[in-house]
PDB file of N, CA and C in Angstrom:
ATOM      1  N   MET A   1      43.875 -60.523  11.931  1.00  0.00           N
ATOM      2  CA  MET A   1      43.298 -60.328  12.954  1.00  0.00           C
ATOM      3  C   MET A   1      42.765 -59.126  12.737  1.00  0.00           C
ATOM      4  N   ALA A   2      41.591 -58.722  13.168  1.00  0.00           N
ATOM      5  CA  ALA A   2      40.669 -57.556  12.999  1.00  0.00           C
ATOM      6  C   ALA A   2      41.400 -56.269  14.138  1.00  0.00           C
ATOM      7  N   LYS A   3      41.172 -55.163  13.560  1.00  0.00           N
ATOM      8  CA  LYS A   3      41.786 -54.043  14.488  1.00  0.00           C
ATOM      9  C   LYS A   3      40.556 -53.158  14.321  1.00  0.00           C
ATOM     10  N   ARG A   4      40.246 -52.599  15.415  1.00  0.00           N
ATOM     11  CA  ARG A   4      39.171 -51.749  15.769  1.00  0.00           C
ATOM     12  C   ARG A   4      39.763 -50.180  15.989  1.00  0.00           C
ATOM     13  N   GLU A   5      38.714 -49.063  15.475  1.00  0.00           N
ATOM     14  CA  GLU A   5      39.392 -48.017  15.833  1.00  0.00           C
ATOM     15  C   GLU A   5      38.287 -47.032  15.604  1.00  0.00           C
ATOM     16  N   LEU A   6      38.214 -45.774  16.179  1.00  0.00           N
ATOM     17  CA  LEU A   6      37.244 -44.820  15.970  1.00  0.00           C
ATOM     18  C   LEU A   6      37.404 -43.936  14.285  1.00  0.00           C
ATOM     19  N   VAL A   7      36.108 -44.089  13.743  1.00  0.00           N
ATOM     20  CA  VAL A   7      36.229 -43.540  12.668  1.00  0.00           C
ATOM     21  C   VAL A   7      34.645 -42.333  12.464  1.00  0.00           C
ATOM     22  N   GLU A   8      34.953 -40.886  12.492  1.00  0.00           N
ATOM     23  CA  GLU A   8      33.973 -40.156  12.749  1.00  0.00           C
ATOM     24  C   GLU A   8      32.984 -40.625  14.097  1.00  0.00           C
ATOM     25  N   THR A   9      33.776 -40.925  15.012  1.00  0.00           N
ATOM     26  CA  THR A   9      33.045 -41.309  16.373  1.00  0.00           C
ATOM     27  C   THR A   9      32.425 -42.679  16.588  1.00  0.00           C
ATOM     28  N   PHE A  10      32.492 -43.272  15.579  1.00  0.00           N
ATOM     29  CA  PHE A  10      32.003 -44.749  15.328  1.00  0.00           C
ATOM     30  C   PHE A  10      33.283 -45.867  15.569  1.00  0.00           C
ATOM     31  N   GLU A  11      33.010 -46.833  16.204  1.00  0.00           N
ATOM     32  CA  GLU A  11      34.081 -47.742  16.235  1.00  0.00           C
ATOM     33  C   GLU A  11      33.676 -48.633  14.766  1.00  0.00           C
ATOM     34  N   THR A  12      34.921 -48.830  14.061  1.00  0.00           N
ATOM     35  CA  THR A  12      34.894 -49.760  12.981  1.00  0.00           C
ATOM     36  C   THR A  12      35.830 -50.816  12.932  1.00  0.00           C
ATOM     37  N   VAL A  13      35.592 -51.872  12.539  1.00  0.00           N
ATOM     38  CA  VAL A  13      36.498 -52.989  12.519  1.00  0.00           C
ATOM     39  C   VAL A  13      37.068 -53.097  11.325  1.00  0.00           C
ATOM     40  N   PHE A  14      38.255 -53.129  10.923  1.00  0.00           N
ATOM     41  CA  PHE A  14      39.035 -53.489   9.918  1.00  0.00           C
ATOM     42  C   PHE A  14      39.759 -55.117  10.053  1.00  0.00           C
ATOM     43  N   GLU A  15      39.278 -55.732   9.051  1.00  0.00           N
ATOM     44  CA  GLU A  15      39.756 -57.102   8.553  1.00  0.00           C
ATOM     45  C   GLU A  15      40.567 -57.270   7.405  1.00  0.00           C
ATOM     46  N   ALA A  16      41.881 -57.740   7.583  1.00  0.00           N
ATOM     47  CA  ALA A  16      42.275 -57.582   6.319  1.00  0.00           C
ATOM     48  C   ALA A  16      42.015 -59.140   5.410  1.00  0.00           C
ATOM     49  N   ASP A  17      41.694 -58.651   3.914  1.00  0.00           N
ATOM     50  CA  ASP A  17      41.048 -59.814   3.214  1.00  0.00           C
ATOM     51  C   ASP A  17      42.288 -60.760   2.856  1.00  0.00           C
ATOM     52  N   GLU A  18      42.138 -62.046   2.835  1.00  0.00           N
ATOM     53  CA  GLU A  18      42.958 -63.111   2.195  1.00  0.00           C
ATOM     54  C   GLU A  18      43.478 -62.559   0.609  1.00  0.00           C
ATOM     55  N   GLY A  19      42.755 -61.936  -0.140  1.00  0.00           N
ATOM     56  CA  GLY A  19      43.226 -61.577  -1.567  1.00  0.00           C
ATOM     57  C   GLY A  19      43.755 -60.389  -1.471  1.00  0.00           C
ATOM     58  N   GLY A  20      44.338 -59.586  -0.138  1.00  0.00           N
ATOM     59  CA  GLY A  20      44.746 -58.344  -0.241  1.00  0.00           C
ATOM     60  C   GLY A  20      43.614 -57.074  -0.043  1.00  0.00           C
ATOM     61  N   GLY A  21      44.010 -55.856   0.692  1.00  0.00           N
ATOM     62  CA  GLY A  21      42.883 -55.104   0.855  1.00  0.00           C
ATOM     63  C   GLY A  21      42.181 -55.579   2.190  1.00  0.00           C
ATOM     64  N   PHE A  22      41.207 -54.418   2.564  1.00  0.00           N
ATOM     65  CA  PHE A  22      40.781 -54.302   3.988  1.00  0.00           C
ATOM     66  C   PHE A  22      39.261 -54.079   3.775  1.00  0.00           C
ATOM     67  N   HIS A  23      38.574 -55.078   4.641  1.00  0.00           N
ATOM     68  CA  HIS A  23      37.065 -55.006   4.813  1.00  0.00           C
ATOM     69  C   HIS A  23      37.006 -54.220   5.806  1.00  0.00           C
ATOM     70  N   VAL A  24      36.005 -53.199   5.878  1.00  0.00           N
ATOM     71  CA  VAL A  24      35.919 -52.250   7.064  1.00  0.00           C
ATOM     72  C   VAL A  24      34.262 -52.626   7.526  1.00  0.00           C
ATOM     73  N   TYR A  25      33.697 -52.418   8.423  1.00  0.00           N
ATOM     74  CA  TYR A  25      32.414 -51.828   8.815  1.00  0.00           C
ATOM     75  C   TYR A  25      32.052 -51.597  10.005  1.00  0.00           C
ATOM     76  N   VAL A  26      31.181 -51.060  10.307  1.00  0.00           N
ATOM     77  CA  VAL A  26      30.526 -50.180  11.658  1.00  0.00           C
ATOM     78  C   VAL A  26      29.587 -51.212  12.406  1.00  0.00           C
ATOM     79  N   PRO A  27      30.085 -51.838  13.557  1.00  0.00           N
ATOM     80  CA  PRO A  27      29.349 -52.911  14.134  1.00  0.00           C
ATOM     81  C   PRO A  27      27.722 -52.222  14.684  1.00  0.00           C
ATOM     82  N   THR A  28      27.844 -50.788  15.139  1.00  0.00           N
ATOM     83  CA  THR A  28      26.438 -50.298  15.257  1.00  0.00           C
ATOM     84  C   THR A  28      25.678 -49.838  14.573  1.00  0.00           C
ATOM     85  N   LEU A  29      26.219 -49.682  13.109  1.00  0.00           N
ATOM     86  CA  LEU A  29      25.312 -48.961  12.062  1.00  0.00           C
ATOM     87  C   LEU A  29      25.165 -50.435  11.033  1.00  0.00           C
ATOM     88  N   LYS A  30      23.982 -50.983  11.531  1.00  0.00           N
ATOM     89  CA  LYS A  30      23.595 -52.544  10.375  1.00  0.00           C
ATOM     90  C   LYS A  30      23.903 -52.274   9.098  1.00  0.00           C
ATOM     91  N   GLY A  31      24.735 -52.981   8.479  1.00  0.00           N
ATOM     92  CA  GLY A  31      24.678 -52.868   6.764  1.00  0.00           C
ATOM     93  C   GLY A  31      25.751 -51.894   6.257  1.00  0.00           C
ATOM     94  N   CYS A  32      26.286 -51.295   7.412  1.00  0.00           N
ATOM     95  CA  CYS A  32      27.113 -50.313   6.876  1.00  0.00           C
ATOM     96  C   CYS A  32      28.584 -50.875   6.748  1.00  0.00           C
ATOM     97  N   HIS A  33      29.042 -51.142   5.578  1.00  0.00           N
ATOM     98  CA  HIS A  33      30.389 -51.969   5.398  1.00  0.00           C
ATOM     99  C   HIS A  33      31.023 -51.319   4.052  1.00  0.00           C
ATOM    100  N   SER A  34      32.255 -51.502   3.891  1.00  0.00           N
ATOM    101  CA  SER A  34      33.109 -51.006   3.056  1.00  0.00           C
ATOM    102  C   SER A  34      34.066 -51.952   2.620  1.00  0.00           C
ATOM    103  N   TRP A  35      35.279 -51.436   1.750  1.00  0.00           N
ATOM    104  CA  TRP A  35      36.349 -52.364   1.382  1.00  0.00           C
ATOM    105  C   TRP A  35      37.350 -50.775   0.631  1.00  0.00           C
ATOM    106  N   GLY A  36      38.833 -51.496   0.801  1.00  0.00           N
ATOM    107  CA  GLY A  36      39.715 -50.591   0.481  1.00  0.00           C
ATOM    108  C   GLY A  36      40.715 -51.198  -0.123  1.00  0.00           C
ATOM    109  N   ALA A  37      41.767 -51.041  -1.040  1.00  0.00           N
ATOM    110  CA  ALA A  37      42.945 -51.618  -1.309  1.00  0.00           C
ATOM    111  C   ALA A  37      44.244 -51.636  -0.029  1.00  0.00           C
ATOM    112  N   THR A  38      43.955 -50.526   0.400  1.00  0.00           N
ATOM    113  CA  THR A  38      44.922 -50.039   1.601  1.00  0.00           C
ATOM    114  C   THR A  38      43.969 -49.505   2.765  1.00  0.00           C
ATOM    115  N   ARG A  39      44.504 -49.682   4.020  1.00  0.00           N
ATOM    116  CA  ARG A  39      43.637 -49.205   5.049  1.00  0.00           C
ATOM    117  C   ARG A  39      43.309 -47.761   4.928  1.00  0.00           C
ATOM    118  N   GLU A  40      44.181 -47.144   4.611  1.00  0.00           N
ATOM    119  CA  GLU A  40      43.474 -45.603   4.376  1.00  0.00           C
ATOM    120  C   GLU A  40      42.353 -45.414   3.394  1.00  0.00           C
ATOM    121  N   GLU A  41      42.427 -45.877   2.174  1.00  0.00           N
ATOM    122  CA  GLU A  41      41.575 -46.044   1.262  1.00  0.00           C
ATOM    123  C   GLU A  41      40.052 -46.743   1.965  1.00  0.00           C
ATOM    124  N   ALA A  42      40.271 -47.694   2.884  1.00  0.00           N
ATOM    125  CA  ALA A  42      39.040 -48.498   3.537  1.00  0.00           C
ATOM    126  C   ALA A  42      38.396 -47.130   4.381  1.00  0.00           C
ATOM    127  N   ARG A  43      39.544 -46.370   5.375  1.00  0.00           N
ATOM    128  CA  ARG A  43      38.992 -45.526   6.141  1.00  0.00           C
ATOM    129  C   ARG A  43      38.429 -44.593   5.351  1.00  0.00           C
ATOM    130  N   ASP A  44      38.675 -44.127   4.442  1.00  0.00           N
ATOM    131  CA  ASP A  44      38.221 -42.945   3.688  1.00  0.00           C
ATOM    132  C   ASP A  44      36.672 -43.686   2.904  1.00  0.00           C
ATOM    133  N   HIS A  45      36.709 -44.797   2.631  1.00  0.00           N
ATOM    134  CA  HIS A  45      35.248 -45.314   2.007  1.00  0.00           C
ATOM    135  C   HIS A  45      34.390 -45.635   3.307  1.00  0.00           C
ATOM    136  N   ILE A  46      34.859 -45.939   4.535  1.00  0.00           N
ATOM    137  CA  ILE A  46      33.694 -46.348   5.524  1.00  0.00           C
ATOM    138  C   ILE A  46      33.219 -44.825   5.983  1.00  0.00           C
ATOM    139  N   ARG A  47      33.979 -44.166   5.697  1.00  0.00           N
ATOM    140  CA  ARG A  47      33.676 -42.727   6.451  1.00  0.00           C
ATOM    141  C   ARG A  47      32.660 -42.104   5.481  1.00  0.00           C
ATOM    142  N   GLU A  48      32.743 -42.518   4.271  1.00  0.00           N
ATOM    143  CA  GLU A  48      31.289 -41.945   2.953  1.00  0.00           C
ATOM    144  C   GLU A  48      30.435 -42.831   3.434  1.00  0.00           C
ATOM    145  N   ALA A  49      30.684 -44.055   3.714  1.00  0.00           N
ATOM    146  CA  ALA A  49      29.472 -45.086   3.712  1.00  0.00           C
ATOM    147  C   ALA A  49      28.790 -44.465   5.189  1.00  0.00           C
ATOM    148  N   ILE A  50      29.383 -44.460   6.406  1.00  0.00           N
ATOM    149  CA  ILE A  50      28.776 -43.925   7.202  1.00  0.00           C
ATOM    150  C   ILE A  50      27.564 -42.559   7.105  1.00  0.00           C
ATOM    151  N   ALA A  51      28.455 -41.803   6.462  1.00  0.00           N
ATOM    152  CA  ALA A  51      27.459 -40.332   6.468  1.00  0.00           C
ATOM    153  C   ALA A  51      26.605 -40.844   5.507  1.00  0.00           C
ATOM    154  N   LEU A  52      26.280 -41.601   4.287  1.00  0.00           N
ATOM    155  CA  LEU A  52      25.322 -42.319   3.591  1.00  0.00           C
ATOM    156  C   LEU A  52      24.423 -42.798   4.325  1.00  0.00           C
ATOM    157  N   TRP A  53      24.895 -43.699   5.331  1.00  0.00           N
ATOM    158  CA  TRP A  53      23.986 -44.325   6.192  1.00  0.00           C
ATOM    159  C   TRP A  53      23.130 -43.513   7.073  1.00  0.00           C
ATOM    160  N   LEU A  54      23.802 -42.396   7.671  1.00  0.00           N
ATOM    161  CA  LEU A  54      23.108 -41.617   8.415  1.00  0.00           C
ATOM    162  C   LEU A  54      21.943 -40.559   7.742  1.00  0.00           C
ATOM    163  N   GLU A  55      22.540 -40.250   6.407  1.00  0.00           N
ATOM    164  CA  GLU A  55      21.728 -39.429   5.429  1.00  0.00           C
ATOM    165  C   GLU A  55      20.347 -40.162   5.391  1.00  0.00           C
ATOM    166  N   SER A  56      20.417 -41.611   5.004  1.00  0.00           N
ATOM    167  CA  SER A  56      19.587 -42.499   4.397  1.00  0.00           C
ATOM    168  C   SER A  56      18.593 -42.655   5.623  1.00  0.00           C
ATOM    169  N   VAL A  57      18.991 -42.720   6.840  1.00  0.00           N
ATOM    170  CA  VAL A  57      18.163 -43.175   8.000  1.00  0.00           C
ATOM    171  C   VAL A  57      17.239 -41.755   8.058  1.00  0.00           C
ATOM    172  N   ARG A  58      18.035 -40.484   7.987  1.00  0.00           N
ATOM    173  CA  ARG A  58      17.463 -39.013   8.468  1.00  0.00           C
ATOM    174  C   ARG A  58      16.201 -39.155   7.410  1.00  0.00           C
ATOM    175  N   GLU A  59      16.400 -39.481   6.048  1.00  0.00           N
ATOM    176  CA  GLU A  59      15.702 -39.138   5.258  1.00  0.00           C
ATOM    177  C   GLU A  59      14.084 -40.054   4.916  1.00  0.00           C
ATOM    178  N   LEU A  60      14.733 -41.225   5.758  1.00  0.00           N
ATOM    179  CA  LEU A  60      13.583 -42.615   5.528  1.00  0.00           C
ATOM    180  C   LEU A  60      12.712 -42.385   7.041  1.00  0.00           C
ATOM    181  N   GLY A  61      13.506 -41.668   7.928  1.00  0.00           N
ATOM    182  CA  GLY A  61      12.837 -41.354   9.076  1.00  0.00           C
ATOM    183  C   GLY A  61      12.689 -42.972   9.765  1.00  0.00           C
ATOM    184  N   ILE A  62      13.726 -43.553   9.882  1.00  0.00           N
ATOM    185  CA  ILE A  62      13.650 -44.830  10.336  1.00  0.00           C
ATOM    186  C   ILE A  62      13.566 -44.959  11.756  1.00  0.00           C
ATOM    187  N   GLY A  63      14.390 -43.846  12.322  1.00  0.00           N
ATOM    188  CA  GLY A  63      14.622 -43.973  13.661  1.00  0.00           C
ATOM    189  C   GLY A  63      16.026 -43.050  14.274  1.00  0.00           C
ATOM    190  N   GLU A  64      16.107 -42.946  15.302  1.00  0.00           N
ATOM    191  CA  GLU A  64      17.155 -42.511  15.859  1.00  0.00           C
ATOM    192  C   GLU A  64      18.385 -42.762  16.058  1.00  0.00           C
ATOM    193  N   CYS A  65      19.393 -42.101  15.511  1.00  0.00           N
ATOM    194  CA  CYS A  65      20.853 -42.638  15.278  1.00  0.00           C
ATOM    195  C   CYS A  65      21.473 -42.212  16.753  1.00  0.00           C
ATOM    196  N   ARG A  66      22.012 -43.001  17.657  1.00  0.00           N
ATOM    197  CA  ARG A  66      22.948 -42.813  18.550  1.00  0.00           C
ATOM    198  C   ARG A  66      24.319 -42.700  18.468  1.00  0.00           C
ATOM    199  N   ARG A  67      25.084 -41.918  18.806  1.00  0.00           N
ATOM    200  CA  ARG A  67      26.372 -42.005  18.561  1.00  0.00           C
ATOM    201  C   ARG A  67      27.090 -42.659  19.993  1.00  0.00           C
ATOM    202  N   PRO A  68      28.214 -43.447  20.121  1.00  0.00           N
ATOM    203  CA  PRO A  68      28.579 -44.018  21.055  1.00  0.00           C
ATOM    204  C   PRO A  68      28.987 -42.870  22.066  1.00  0.00           C
TER     205      PRO A  68
END
């Protein structure tokens, strides 16, 4: 069962992988996904993925990012 929580003010979805670990993604940031062996590791990785996603959008001038 997926669990949702706020990370860096973005709602994230944590899903337990069948083989262990957690897949995590941000529904409002298309393509912003990560993984971790533990929930804490997955949270750390998605924080980094969010920062990189936002940086890429700013650098490319793709559009405005809105936080919920």
